[in-house]
Protein backbone atom coordinates (compact mmCIF):
# COMPACT_ATOMS: atom_id res chain seq x y z
CA MET A 1 2.61 25.25 -10.55
CA GLY A 2 3.98 23.58 -7.42
CA LYS A 3 0.65 21.99 -6.51
CA ASN A 4 -0.07 18.42 -7.47
CA PHE A 5 -3.26 17.24 -9.17
CA ASP A 6 -4.90 15.98 -5.93
CA GLU A 7 -4.38 19.33 -4.21
CA GLU A 8 -5.87 21.17 -7.17
CA GLN A 9 -8.91 18.87 -7.17
CA LYS A 10 -9.54 19.40 -3.46
CA MET A 11 -9.18 23.14 -3.83
CA SER A 12 -11.79 23.13 -6.58
CA GLY A 13 -14.31 21.73 -4.10
CA LYS A 14 -16.55 18.76 -3.76
CA ILE A 15 -19.21 18.28 -6.39
CA ASP A 16 -22.58 16.55 -6.21
CA VAL A 17 -23.71 14.46 -9.16
CA GLU A 18 -26.98 12.68 -9.77
CA VAL A 19 -26.40 9.16 -11.06
CA ARG A 20 -28.65 6.23 -11.82
CA ILE A 21 -27.65 2.96 -10.20
CA GLY A 22 -30.11 0.18 -10.87
CA ASN A 23 -33.55 1.71 -10.74
CA ARG A 24 -32.61 4.46 -8.31
CA VAL A 25 -31.39 7.99 -8.84
CA LEU A 26 -28.78 8.86 -6.24
CA THR A 27 -26.70 11.91 -5.52
CA ILE A 28 -23.04 11.09 -4.98
CA SER A 29 -20.36 13.54 -3.96
CA GLY A 30 -16.66 13.67 -4.56
CA TYR A 31 -13.67 15.73 -5.59
CA GLU A 32 -13.50 13.92 -8.91
CA SER A 33 -15.12 15.14 -12.10
CA GLU A 34 -18.75 14.53 -12.93
CA GLU A 35 -17.58 12.34 -15.80
CA TYR A 36 -15.59 10.16 -13.40
CA LEU A 37 -18.49 9.79 -10.95
CA GLN A 38 -20.81 8.83 -13.82
CA LYS A 39 -18.21 6.28 -14.91
CA VAL A 40 -18.29 4.74 -11.42
CA ALA A 41 -22.07 4.45 -11.59
CA THR A 42 -21.84 2.92 -15.06
CA TYR A 43 -19.37 0.34 -13.77
CA ILE A 44 -21.72 -0.67 -10.95
CA ASN A 45 -24.64 -0.92 -13.40
CA LYS A 46 -22.50 -3.06 -15.70
CA LYS A 47 -21.67 -5.42 -12.85
CA PHE A 48 -25.36 -5.67 -11.97
CA ALA A 49 -26.26 -6.35 -15.62
CA GLU A 50 -23.81 -9.27 -15.69
CA TYR A 51 -26.01 -11.06 -13.18
CA ALA A 52 -29.47 -9.67 -13.96
CA ASP A 53 -30.38 -12.52 -16.33
CA ASP A 54 -29.19 -15.24 -13.95
CA ASP A 55 -32.14 -17.01 -12.30
CA GLY A 56 -30.11 -17.86 -9.21
CA PHE A 57 -29.12 -14.23 -8.76
CA ARG A 58 -32.67 -12.97 -9.20
CA LYS A 59 -33.92 -15.42 -6.56
CA LEU A 60 -31.54 -13.93 -3.97
CA ASN A 61 -32.85 -11.22 -1.69
CA SER A 62 -31.47 -7.74 -2.32
CA ASP A 63 -28.96 -7.99 0.54
CA MET A 64 -27.46 -11.14 -0.94
CA GLN A 65 -27.48 -9.65 -4.44
CA ASN A 66 -25.60 -6.63 -3.14
CA MET A 67 -23.15 -8.86 -1.27
CA LEU A 68 -22.45 -10.83 -4.45
CA LEU A 69 -21.89 -7.60 -6.38
CA GLU A 70 -19.58 -6.29 -3.63
CA ILE A 71 -17.55 -9.50 -3.70
CA ASN A 72 -17.22 -9.30 -7.49
CA ILE A 73 -16.22 -5.63 -7.38
CA ALA A 74 -13.60 -6.45 -4.72
CA ASP A 75 -12.38 -9.31 -6.93
CA ASP A 76 -12.02 -6.89 -9.87
CA TYR A 77 -10.13 -4.50 -7.60
CA PHE A 78 -7.64 -7.09 -6.37
CA LYS A 79 -7.08 -8.45 -9.89
CA ALA A 80 -6.42 -4.91 -11.16
CA LYS A 81 -4.09 -4.26 -8.24
CA LYS A 82 -2.17 -7.45 -9.03
CA GLN A 83 -1.95 -6.47 -12.71
CA ILE A 84 -0.57 -3.06 -11.71
CA SER A 85 2.01 -4.75 -9.52
CA LEU A 86 3.08 -7.02 -12.38
CA LEU A 87 3.32 -4.08 -14.77
CA GLU A 88 5.34 -2.07 -12.25
CA GLU A 89 7.74 -5.00 -11.94
CA LYS A 90 8.08 -5.15 -15.73
CA VAL A 91 8.80 -1.41 -15.79
CA LYS A 92 11.55 -1.90 -13.20
CA GLU A 93 13.03 -4.73 -15.28
CA LYS A 94 12.96 -2.57 -18.42
CA GLU A 95 14.53 0.34 -16.56
CA LYS A 96 17.35 -1.97 -15.40
CA GLU A 97 17.80 -3.24 -18.97
CA ILE A 98 18.02 0.35 -20.24
CA TYR A 99 20.52 1.22 -17.51
CA ASP A 100 22.63 -1.82 -18.37
CA LEU A 101 22.49 -1.01 -22.09
CA LYS A 102 23.51 2.60 -21.46
CA HIS A 103 26.37 1.34 -19.29
CA ASP A 104 27.48 -1.05 -22.04
CA LEU A 105 27.23 1.72 -24.63
CA THR A 106 29.38 4.01 -22.51
CA ASN A 107 31.98 1.26 -22.08
CA TYR A 108 32.05 0.63 -25.84
CA GLN A 109 32.37 4.35 -26.55
CA VAL A 110 35.29 4.60 -24.13
CA ARG A 111 36.97 1.56 -25.71
CA LEU A 112 36.43 2.98 -29.16
CA ALA A 113 37.85 6.35 -28.13
CA ASN A 114 40.85 4.67 -26.53
CA HIS A 115 41.36 2.47 -29.60
CA GLY A 116 41.34 5.54 -31.82
CA LYS A 117 44.11 7.17 -29.76
CA LYS A 118 46.55 4.30 -30.40
């Protein structure tokens, strides 16, 4: 019970999963579940599909297409990371609000108790 999730995953061993990315079947490996690895492949295919109908994209050689996809995936990553940071800040603000409210409640309870003793 003392082990965390990452340790348990690594102890379960690396798995190999066949995925389809574009028109190729690849075997990818990882400590994550097959479902997760398929989800990664689906995400990459979705990003490719966003550009597949664009004439400018189709005219690029495959190296440039891949570079454009990599840039867009990195952009998604940094936007998600920023969103996480903003949400973590909101959580900290809410935790401080809760702390302050609990402190106020305790003060009011003490005042009320002291008022009742008079």
